[in-house]
Amino acid sequence: MKGFAYLKNVATLELDRDTCIGCGMCARVCPHQVFVIAENKSRIVDLDACMECGACALNCPVKALRVESGVGCASGMINEWLQGLNLRGKGGGGCC
C-alpha cells in the first residue's frame, strides 16, 4: 500500500530516539515503511504515511514509540486500496 498518505502533519506517532535500541522491529512491522534504521537507531522518514495502526508501538521492546492508534484512518485507507483493486463487491459495508 505504498503511496497512500494520511492528512499532512496530523499523525500522532512519536519516537523517543534516546530510548530506541535500534532493533528494527518498527521497520519490520510497519505496513507503510514509515521507519528506517540509521546510525543504530530508528528514524521516522515519512510521518504522513503513518496510518496509526499501532503495530510499531505494540512491537517495540523498549516502548520508544507512542501513537494514538485506532481503526478510523486505517480502515479508510484499506477500503480505498481495495476499491482501487476492484476486489470488493457492490454495496455498503464497513470494517466494523
PDB file of N, CA and C in Angstrom:
ATOM      1  N   MET A   1       0.817  -1.189   0.000  1.00  0.00           N
ATOM      2  CA  MET A   1       0.000   0.000   0.000  1.00  0.00           C
ATOM      3  C   MET A   1       0.861   1.252   0.000  1.00  0.00           C
ATOM      4  N   LYS A   2       2.066   1.121  -0.454  1.00  0.00           N
ATOM      5  CA  LYS A   2       2.951   2.280  -0.533  1.00  0.00           C
ATOM      6  C   LYS A   2       2.331   3.319  -1.451  1.00  0.00           C
ATOM      7  N   GLY A   3       2.462   4.563  -1.089  1.00  0.00           N
ATOM      8  CA  GLY A   3       1.929   5.634  -1.905  1.00  0.00           C
ATOM      9  C   GLY A   3       0.721   6.300  -1.292  1.00  0.00           C
ATOM     10  N   PHE A   4       0.090   5.638  -0.323  1.00  0.00           N
ATOM     11  CA  PHE A   4      -1.030   6.255   0.365  1.00  0.00           C
ATOM     12  C   PHE A   4      -0.494   7.177   1.448  1.00  0.00           C
ATOM     13  N   ALA A   5      -1.225   8.219   1.739  1.00  0.00           N
ATOM     14  CA  ALA A   5      -0.832   9.132   2.813  1.00  0.00           C
ATOM     15  C   ALA A   5      -2.067   9.611   3.536  1.00  0.00           C
ATOM     16  N   TYR A   6      -1.911   9.770   4.820  1.00  0.00           N
ATOM     17  CA  TYR A   6      -2.968  10.306   5.649  1.00  0.00           C
ATOM     18  C   TYR A   6      -2.902  11.826   5.515  1.00  0.00           C
ATOM     19  N   LEU A   7      -3.692  12.550   6.259  1.00  0.00           N
ATOM     20  CA  LEU A   7      -3.645  14.006   6.221  1.00  0.00           C
ATOM     21  C   LEU A   7      -2.258  14.495   6.632  1.00  0.00           C
ATOM     22  N   LYS A   8      -1.800  15.566   6.043  1.00  0.00           N
ATOM     23  CA  LYS A   8      -0.470  16.104   6.309  1.00  0.00           C
ATOM     24  C   LYS A   8      -0.342  16.618   7.748  1.00  0.00           C
ATOM     25  N   ASN A   9       0.758  16.252   8.372  1.00  0.00           N
ATOM     26  CA  ASN A   9       1.162  16.770   9.683  1.00  0.00           C
ATOM     27  C   ASN A   9       0.155  16.553  10.803  1.00  0.00           C
ATOM     28  N   VAL A  10      -0.565  15.434  10.789  1.00  0.00           N
ATOM     29  CA  VAL A  10      -1.514  15.181  11.867  1.00  0.00           C
ATOM     30  C   VAL A  10      -1.298  13.841  12.579  1.00  0.00           C
ATOM     31  N   ALA A  11      -0.431  13.002  12.081  1.00  0.00           N
ATOM     32  CA  ALA A  11      -0.200  11.700  12.715  1.00  0.00           C
ATOM     33  C   ALA A  11       0.306  11.896  14.141  1.00  0.00           C
ATOM     34  N   THR A  12      -0.151  11.037  15.030  1.00  0.00           N
ATOM     35  CA  THR A  12       0.207  11.141  16.444  1.00  0.00           C
ATOM     36  C   THR A  12       1.481  10.377  16.789  1.00  0.00           C
ATOM     37  N   LEU A  13       2.115   9.771  15.818  1.00  0.00           N
ATOM     38  CA  LEU A  13       3.302   8.954  16.044  1.00  0.00           C
ATOM     39  C   LEU A  13       4.455   9.774  16.612  1.00  0.00           C
ATOM     40  N   GLU A  14       5.054   9.256  17.694  1.00  0.00           N
ATOM     41  CA  GLU A  14       6.225   9.888  18.304  1.00  0.00           C
ATOM     42  C   GLU A  14       7.278   8.824  18.585  1.00  0.00           C
ATOM     43  N   LEU A  15       8.533   9.161  18.350  1.00  0.00           N
ATOM     44  CA  LEU A  15       9.652   8.262  18.593  1.00  0.00           C
ATOM     45  C   LEU A  15      10.626   8.918  19.556  1.00  0.00           C
ATOM     46  N   ASP A  16      10.982   8.193  20.614  1.00  0.00           N
ATOM     47  CA  ASP A  16      11.998   8.652  21.564  1.00  0.00           C
ATOM     48  C   ASP A  16      13.315   7.990  21.171  1.00  0.00           C
ATOM     49  N   ARG A  17      14.133   8.704  20.403  1.00  0.00           N
ATOM     50  CA  ARG A  17      15.394   8.127  19.906  1.00  0.00           C
ATOM     51  C   ARG A  17      16.371   7.804  21.030  1.00  0.00           C
ATOM     52  N   ASP A  18      16.273   8.480  22.157  1.00  0.00           N
ATOM     53  CA  ASP A  18      17.157   8.167  23.284  1.00  0.00           C
ATOM     54  C   ASP A  18      16.841   6.794  23.864  1.00  0.00           C
ATOM     55  N   THR A  19      15.587   6.405  23.839  1.00  0.00           N
ATOM     56  CA  THR A  19      15.164   5.104  24.356  1.00  0.00           C
ATOM     57  C   THR A  19      15.375   3.991  23.339  1.00  0.00           C
ATOM     58  N   CYS A  20      15.302   4.320  22.063  1.00  0.00           N
ATOM     59  CA  CYS A  20      15.419   3.339  20.980  1.00  0.00           C
ATOM     60  C   CYS A  20      16.731   2.568  21.073  1.00  0.00           C
ATOM     61  N   ILE A  21      16.635   1.233  20.873  1.00  0.00           N
ATOM     62  CA  ILE A  21      17.834   0.382  20.886  1.00  0.00           C
ATOM     63  C   ILE A  21      18.232  -0.071  19.482  1.00  0.00           C
ATOM     64  N   GLY A  22      17.500   0.373  18.472  1.00  0.00           N
ATOM     65  CA  GLY A  22      17.856   0.061  17.084  1.00  0.00           C
ATOM     66  C   GLY A  22      17.586  -1.362  16.662  1.00  0.00           C
ATOM     67  N   CYS A  23      16.634  -2.034  17.293  1.00  0.00           N
ATOM     68  CA  CYS A  23      16.351  -3.438  16.964  1.00  0.00           C
ATOM     69  C   CYS A  23      15.726  -3.599  15.580  1.00  0.00           C
ATOM     70  N   GLY A  24      15.074  -2.561  15.082  1.00  0.00           N
ATOM     71  CA  GLY A  24      14.475  -2.602  13.754  1.00  0.00           C
ATOM     72  C   GLY A  24      13.088  -3.218  13.694  1.00  0.00           C
ATOM     73  N   MET A  25      12.519  -3.565  14.832  1.00  0.00           N
ATOM     74  CA  MET A  25      11.192  -4.176  14.832  1.00  0.00           C
ATOM     75  C   MET A  25      10.144  -3.236  14.230  1.00  0.00           C
ATOM     76  N   CYS A  26      10.223  -1.953  14.530  1.00  0.00           N
ATOM     77  CA  CYS A  26       9.248  -0.999  13.985  1.00  0.00           C
ATOM     78  C   CYS A  26       9.286  -0.993  12.459  1.00  0.00           C
ATOM     79  N   ALA A  27      10.467  -1.016  11.897  1.00  0.00           N
ATOM     80  CA  ALA A  27      10.606  -1.013  10.441  1.00  0.00           C
ATOM     81  C   ALA A  27      10.071  -2.307   9.833  1.00  0.00           C
ATOM     82  N   ARG A  28      10.216  -3.418  10.540  1.00  0.00           N
ATOM     83  CA  ARG A  28       9.719  -4.701  10.030  1.00  0.00           C
ATOM     84  C   ARG A  28       8.197  -4.787  10.042  1.00  0.00           C
ATOM     85  N   VAL A  29       7.555  -4.217  11.052  1.00  0.00           N
ATOM     86  CA  VAL A  29       6.101  -4.387  11.171  1.00  0.00           C
ATOM     87  C   VAL A  29       5.292  -3.260  10.535  1.00  0.00           C
ATOM     88  N   CYS A  30       5.920  -2.159  10.191  1.00  0.00           N
ATOM     89  CA  CYS A  30       5.193  -1.018   9.624  1.00  0.00           C
ATOM     90  C   CYS A  30       4.771  -1.310   8.186  1.00  0.00           C
ATOM     91  N   PRO A  31       3.447  -1.261   7.901  1.00  0.00           N
ATOM     92  CA  PRO A  31       2.995  -1.560   6.543  1.00  0.00           C
ATOM     93  C   PRO A  31       3.297  -0.461   5.526  1.00  0.00           C
ATOM     94  N   HIS A  32       3.725   0.713   5.973  1.00  0.00           N
ATOM     95  CA  HIS A  32       3.964   1.834   5.048  1.00  0.00           C
ATOM     96  C   HIS A  32       5.393   2.341   5.049  1.00  0.00           C
ATOM     97  N   GLN A  33       6.308   1.561   5.582  1.00  0.00           N
ATOM     98  CA  GLN A  33       7.724   1.935   5.579  1.00  0.00           C
ATOM     99  C   GLN A  33       7.956   3.342   6.130  1.00  0.00           C
ATOM    100  N   VAL A  34       7.353   3.615   7.273  1.00  0.00           N
ATOM    101  CA  VAL A  34       7.494   4.914   7.930  1.00  0.00           C
ATOM    102  C   VAL A  34       8.884   5.057   8.559  1.00  0.00           C
ATOM    103  N   PHE A  35       9.527   3.940   8.894  1.00  0.00           N
ATOM    104  CA  PHE A  35      10.796   3.952   9.625  1.00  0.00           C
ATOM    105  C   PHE A  35      11.964   3.419   8.798  1.00  0.00           C
ATOM    106  N   VAL A  36      13.152   3.894   9.123  1.00  0.00           N
ATOM    107  CA  VAL A  36      14.408   3.289   8.687  1.00  0.00           C
ATOM    108  C   VAL A  36      15.309   3.220   9.915  1.00  0.00           C
ATOM    109  N   ILE A  37      16.279   2.329   9.850  1.00  0.00           N
ATOM    110  CA  ILE A  37      17.278   2.255  10.908  1.00  0.00           C
ATOM    111  C   ILE A  37      18.514   2.963  10.383  1.00  0.00           C
ATOM    112  N   ALA A  38      18.927   3.996  11.093  1.00  0.00           N
ATOM    113  CA  ALA A  38      20.092   4.790  10.705  1.00  0.00           C
ATOM    114  C   ALA A  38      20.921   5.079  11.952  1.00  0.00           C
ATOM    115  N   GLU A  39      22.203   4.874  11.855  1.00  0.00           N
ATOM    116  CA  GLU A  39      23.106   5.104  12.970  1.00  0.00           C
ATOM    117  C   GLU A  39      22.665   4.330  14.214  1.00  0.00           C
ATOM    118  N   ASN A  40      22.244   3.066  13.992  1.00  0.00           N
ATOM    119  CA  ASN A  40      21.837   2.153  15.066  1.00  0.00           C
ATOM    120  C   ASN A  40      20.625   2.621  15.859  1.00  0.00           C
ATOM    121  N   LYS A  41      19.788   3.438  15.251  1.00  0.00           N
ATOM    122  CA  LYS A  41      18.552   3.910  15.873  1.00  0.00           C
ATOM    123  C   LYS A  41      17.470   3.975  14.798  1.00  0.00           C
ATOM    124  N   SER A  42      16.229   3.883  15.235  1.00  0.00           N
ATOM    125  CA  SER A  42      15.120   4.065  14.311  1.00  0.00           C
ATOM    126  C   SER A  42      14.965   5.547  13.998  1.00  0.00           C
ATOM    127  N   ARG A  43      14.458   5.815  12.804  1.00  0.00           N
ATOM    128  CA  ARG A  43      14.196   7.195  12.402  1.00  0.00           C
ATOM    129  C   ARG A  43      12.905   7.205  11.596  1.00  0.00           C
ATOM    130  N   ILE A  44      12.048   8.179  11.850  1.00  0.00           N
ATOM    131  CA  ILE A  44      10.813   8.342  11.084  1.00  0.00           C
ATOM    132  C   ILE A  44      11.158   9.067   9.790  1.00  0.00           C
ATOM    133  N   VAL A  45      10.865   8.423   8.661  1.00  0.00           N
ATOM    134  CA  VAL A  45      11.192   9.035   7.367  1.00  0.00           C
ATOM    135  C   VAL A  45       9.965   9.536   6.616  1.00  0.00           C
ATOM    136  N   ASP A  46       8.767   9.071   7.003  1.00  0.00           N
ATOM    137  CA  ASP A  46       7.555   9.501   6.301  1.00  0.00           C
ATOM    138  C   ASP A  46       6.375   9.507   7.272  1.00  0.00           C
ATOM    139  N   LEU A  47       6.336  10.498   8.130  1.00  0.00           N
ATOM    140  CA  LEU A  47       5.292  10.598   9.144  1.00  0.00           C
ATOM    141  C   LEU A  47       3.901  10.633   8.519  1.00  0.00           C
ATOM    142  N   ASP A  48       3.747  11.286   7.385  1.00  0.00           N
ATOM    143  CA  ASP A  48       2.438  11.408   6.754  1.00  0.00           C
ATOM    144  C   ASP A  48       1.925  10.087   6.186  1.00  0.00           C
ATOM    145  N   ALA A  49       2.779   9.085   6.051  1.00  0.00           N
ATOM    146  CA  ALA A  49       2.345   7.769   5.591  1.00  0.00           C
ATOM    147  C   ALA A  49       1.829   6.911   6.744  1.00  0.00           C
ATOM    148  N   CYS A  50       1.998   7.374   7.969  1.00  0.00           N
ATOM    149  CA  CYS A  50       1.554   6.614   9.144  1.00  0.00           C
ATOM    150  C   CYS A  50       0.033   6.547   9.179  1.00  0.00           C
ATOM    151  N   MET A  51      -0.512   5.328   9.252  1.00  0.00           N
ATOM    152  CA  MET A  51      -1.959   5.162   9.352  1.00  0.00           C
ATOM    153  C   MET A  51      -2.392   4.898  10.788  1.00  0.00           C
ATOM    154  N   GLU A  52      -1.472   5.081  11.716  1.00  0.00           N
ATOM    155  CA  GLU A  52      -1.743   4.978  13.149  1.00  0.00           C
ATOM    156  C   GLU A  52      -2.329   3.627  13.536  1.00  0.00           C
ATOM    157  N   CYS A  53      -1.821   2.560  12.928  1.00  0.00           N
ATOM    158  CA  CYS A  53      -2.313   1.217  13.244  1.00  0.00           C
ATOM    159  C   CYS A  53      -1.807   0.738  14.605  1.00  0.00           C
ATOM    160  N   GLY A  54      -0.671   1.269  15.049  1.00  0.00           N
ATOM    161  CA  GLY A  54      -0.132   0.917  16.352  1.00  0.00           C
ATOM    162  C   GLY A  54       0.801  -0.278  16.366  1.00  0.00           C
ATOM    163  N   ALA A  55       1.057  -0.888  15.218  1.00  0.00           N
ATOM    164  CA  ALA A  55       1.916  -2.073  15.167  1.00  0.00           C
ATOM    165  C   ALA A  55       3.319  -1.775  15.672  1.00  0.00           C
ATOM    166  N   CYS A  56       3.846  -0.615  15.338  1.00  0.00           N
ATOM    167  CA  CYS A  56       5.208  -0.269  15.760  1.00  0.00           C
ATOM    168  C   CYS A  56       5.302  -0.157  17.280  1.00  0.00           C
ATOM    169  N   ALA A  57       4.381   0.572  17.887  1.00  0.00           N
ATOM    170  CA  ALA A  57       4.401   0.766  19.340  1.00  0.00           C
ATOM    171  C   ALA A  57       4.163  -0.548  20.071  1.00  0.00           C
ATOM    172  N   LEU A  58       3.266  -1.358  19.548  1.00  0.00           N
ATOM    173  CA  LEU A  58       2.957  -2.637  20.167  1.00  0.00           C
ATOM    174  C   LEU A  58       4.162  -3.578  20.152  1.00  0.00           C
ATOM    175  N   ASN A  59       4.970  -3.505  19.110  1.00  0.00           N
ATOM    176  CA  ASN A  59       6.099  -4.416  18.952  1.00  0.00           C
ATOM    177  C   ASN A  59       7.432  -3.860  19.426  1.00  0.00           C
ATOM    178  N   CYS A  60       7.482  -2.609  19.858  1.00  0.00           N
ATOM    179  CA  CYS A  60       8.737  -2.024  20.331  1.00  0.00           C
ATOM    180  C   CYS A  60       9.072  -2.592  21.719  1.00  0.00           C
ATOM    181  N   PRO A  61      10.203  -3.284  21.853  1.00  0.00           N
ATOM    182  CA  PRO A  61      10.519  -3.927  23.134  1.00  0.00           C
ATOM    183  C   PRO A  61      10.874  -2.954  24.257  1.00  0.00           C
ATOM    184  N   VAL A  62      11.212  -1.716  23.917  1.00  0.00           N
ATOM    185  CA  VAL A  62      11.603  -0.750  24.953  1.00  0.00           C
ATOM    186  C   VAL A  62      10.619   0.422  25.052  1.00  0.00           C
ATOM    187  N   LYS A  63       9.498   0.316  24.355  1.00  0.00           N
ATOM    188  CA  LYS A  63       8.441   1.343  24.396  1.00  0.00           C
ATOM    189  C   LYS A  63       8.956   2.728  23.983  1.00  0.00           C
ATOM    190  N   ALA A  64       9.749   2.769  22.909  1.00  0.00           N
ATOM    191  CA  ALA A  64      10.289   4.030  22.403  1.00  0.00           C
ATOM    192  C   ALA A  64       9.311   4.743  21.473  1.00  0.00           C
ATOM    193  N   LEU A  65       8.203   4.090  21.160  1.00  0.00           N
ATOM    194  CA  LEU A  65       7.216   4.653  20.240  1.00  0.00           C
ATOM    195  C   LEU A  65       5.890   4.859  20.945  1.00  0.00           C
ATOM    196  N   ARG A  66       5.213   5.941  20.546  1.00  0.00           N
ATOM    197  CA  ARG A  66       3.876   6.233  21.054  1.00  0.00           C
ATOM    198  C   ARG A  66       3.023   6.667  19.872  1.00  0.00           C
ATOM    199  N   VAL A  67       1.823   6.125  19.806  1.00  0.00           N
ATOM    200  CA  VAL A  67       0.880   6.500  18.761  1.00  0.00           C
ATOM    201  C   VAL A  67      -0.528   6.270  19.293  1.00  0.00           C
ATOM    202  N   GLU A  68      -1.423   7.173  18.990  1.00  0.00           N
ATOM    203  CA  GLU A  68      -2.823   7.003  19.363  1.00  0.00           C
ATOM    204  C   GLU A  68      -3.480   6.203  18.250  1.00  0.00           C
ATOM    205  N   SER A  69      -3.481   4.893  18.411  1.00  0.00           N
ATOM    206  CA  SER A  69      -3.984   4.036  17.344  1.00  0.00           C
ATOM    207  C   SER A  69      -5.493   3.887  17.413  1.00  0.00           C
ATOM    208  N   GLY A  70      -6.060   3.644  16.265  1.00  0.00           N
ATOM    209  CA  GLY A  70      -7.493   3.434  16.119  1.00  0.00           C
ATOM    210  C   GLY A  70      -7.768   2.930  14.721  1.00  0.00           C
ATOM    211  N   VAL A  71      -8.982   2.508  14.482  1.00  0.00           N
ATOM    212  CA  VAL A  71      -9.292   1.923  13.177  1.00  0.00           C
ATOM    213  C   VAL A  71      -9.778   2.938  12.159  1.00  0.00           C
ATOM    214  N   GLY A  72     -10.061   4.148  12.554  1.00  0.00           N
ATOM    215  CA  GLY A  72     -10.658   5.133  11.647  1.00  0.00           C
ATOM    216  C   GLY A  72      -9.883   5.351  10.375  1.00  0.00           C
ATOM    217  N   CYS A  73      -8.686   5.881  10.473  1.00  0.00           N
ATOM    218  CA  CYS A  73      -7.931   6.190   9.258  1.00  0.00           C
ATOM    219  C   CYS A  73      -7.433   4.915   8.584  1.00  0.00           C
ATOM    220  N   ALA A  74      -7.087   3.913   9.375  1.00  0.00           N
ATOM    221  CA  ALA A  74      -6.597   2.662   8.800  1.00  0.00           C
ATOM    222  C   ALA A  74      -7.668   2.003   7.942  1.00  0.00           C
ATOM    223  N   SER A  75      -8.891   1.928   8.448  1.00  0.00           N
ATOM    224  CA  SER A  75      -9.944   1.280   7.672  1.00  0.00           C
ATOM    225  C   SER A  75     -10.267   2.085   6.414  1.00  0.00           C
ATOM    226  N   GLY A  76     -10.223   3.397   6.514  1.00  0.00           N
ATOM    227  CA  GLY A  76     -10.469   4.227   5.337  1.00  0.00           C
ATOM    228  C   GLY A  76      -9.433   3.994   4.256  1.00  0.00           C
ATOM    229  N   MET A  77      -8.182   3.912   4.634  1.00  0.00           N
ATOM    230  CA  MET A  77      -7.118   3.688   3.653  1.00  0.00           C
ATOM    231  C   MET A  77      -7.214   2.292   3.052  1.00  0.00           C
ATOM    232  N   ILE A  78      -7.519   1.285   3.881  1.00  0.00           N
ATOM    233  CA  ILE A  78      -7.643  -0.081   3.379  1.00  0.00           C
ATOM    234  C   ILE A  78      -8.816  -0.179   2.408  1.00  0.00           C
ATOM    235  N   ASN A  79      -9.943   0.434   2.756  1.00  0.00           N
ATOM    236  CA  ASN A  79     -11.098   0.410   1.852  1.00  0.00           C
ATOM    237  C   ASN A  79     -10.788   1.102   0.531  1.00  0.00           C
ATOM    238  N   GLU A  80     -10.071   2.224   0.582  1.00  0.00           N
ATOM    239  CA  GLU A  80      -9.691   2.931  -0.647  1.00  0.00           C
ATOM    240  C   GLU A  80      -8.789   2.057  -1.512  1.00  0.00           C
ATOM    241  N   TRP A  81      -7.856   1.374  -0.876  1.00  0.00           N
ATOM    242  CA  TRP A  81      -6.929   0.492  -1.586  1.00  0.00           C
ATOM    243  C   TRP A  81      -7.692  -0.654  -2.242  1.00  0.00           C
ATOM    244  N   LEU A  82      -8.632  -1.264  -1.480  1.00  0.00           N
ATOM    245  CA  LEU A  82      -9.411  -2.373  -2.027  1.00  0.00           C
ATOM    246  C   LEU A  82     -10.292  -1.923  -3.194  1.00  0.00           C
ATOM    247  N   GLN A  83     -10.865  -0.729  -3.089  1.00  0.00           N
ATOM    248  CA  GLN A  83     -11.668  -0.204  -4.200  1.00  0.00           C
ATOM    249  C   GLN A  83     -10.810  -0.048  -5.443  1.00  0.00           C
ATOM    250  N   GLY A  84      -9.593   0.406  -5.274  1.00  0.00           N
ATOM    251  CA  GLY A  84      -8.682   0.573  -6.399  1.00  0.00           C
ATOM    252  C   GLY A  84      -8.341  -0.743  -7.069  1.00  0.00           C
ATOM    253  N   LEU A  85      -8.364  -1.825  -6.300  1.00  0.00           N
ATOM    254  CA  LEU A  85      -8.085  -3.147  -6.848  1.00  0.00           C
ATOM    255  C   LEU A  85      -9.334  -3.815  -7.417  1.00  0.00           C
ATOM    256  N   ASN A  86     -10.488  -3.167  -7.216  1.00  0.00           N
ATOM    257  CA  ASN A  86     -11.767  -3.707  -7.681  1.00  0.00           C
ATOM    258  C   ASN A  86     -12.043  -5.101  -7.134  1.00  0.00           C
ATOM    259  N   LEU A  87     -11.677  -5.333  -5.876  1.00  0.00           N
ATOM    260  CA  LEU A  87     -11.901  -6.631  -5.247  1.00  0.00           C
ATOM    261  C   LEU A  87     -13.207  -6.691  -4.480  1.00  0.00           C
ATOM    262  N   ARG A  88     -13.733  -5.554  -4.135  1.00  0.00           N
ATOM    263  CA  ARG A  88     -14.949  -5.517  -3.323  1.00  0.00           C
ATOM    264  C   ARG A  88     -16.183  -5.580  -4.200  1.00  0.00           C
ATOM    265  N   GLY A  89     -17.198  -6.261  -3.674  1.00  0.00           N
ATOM    266  CA  GLY A  89     -18.468  -6.335  -4.376  1.00  0.00           C
ATOM    267  C   GLY A  89     -19.221  -5.026  -4.220  1.00  0.00           C
ATOM    268  N   LYS A  90     -20.298  -4.920  -4.911  1.00  0.00           N
ATOM    269  CA  LYS A  90     -21.125  -3.718  -4.804  1.00  0.00           C
ATOM    270  C   LYS A  90     -21.866  -3.729  -3.472  1.00  0.00           C
ATOM    271  N   GLY A  91     -22.206  -2.576  -3.014  1.00  0.00           N
ATOM    272  CA  GLY A  91     -22.962  -2.487  -1.774  1.00  0.00           C
ATOM    273  C   GLY A  91     -22.155  -1.794  -0.703  1.00  0.00           C
ATOM    274  N   GLY A  92     -22.806  -1.625   0.428  1.00  0.00           N
ATOM    275  CA  GLY A  92     -22.185  -0.917   1.547  1.00  0.00           C
ATOM    276  C   GLY A  92     -21.257  -1.809   2.313  1.00  0.00           C
ATOM    277  N   GLY A  93     -21.275  -1.602   3.577  1.00  0.00           N
ATOM    278  CA  GLY A  93     -20.409  -2.393   4.433  1.00  0.00           C
ATOM    279  C   GLY A  93     -19.274  -1.551   4.949  1.00  0.00           C
ATOM    280  N   GLY A  94     -18.641  -2.057   5.905  1.00  0.00           N
ATOM    281  CA  GLY A  94     -17.528  -1.385   6.521  1.00  0.00           C
ATOM    282  C   GLY A  94     -16.695  -2.416   7.232  1.00  0.00           C
ATOM    283  N   CYS A  95     -15.714  -1.974   7.890  1.00  0.00           N
ATOM    284  CA  CYS A  95     -14.846  -2.947   8.537  1.00  0.00           C
ATOM    285  C   CYS A  95     -15.355  -3.350   9.896  1.00  0.00           C
ATOM    286  N   CYS A  96     -16.204  -2.542  10.510  1.00  0.00           N
ATOM    287  CA  CYS A  96     -16.568  -2.818  11.901  1.00  0.00           C
ATOM    288  C   CYS A  96     -18.004  -3.176  12.057  1.00  0.00           C
TER     289      CYS A  96
END
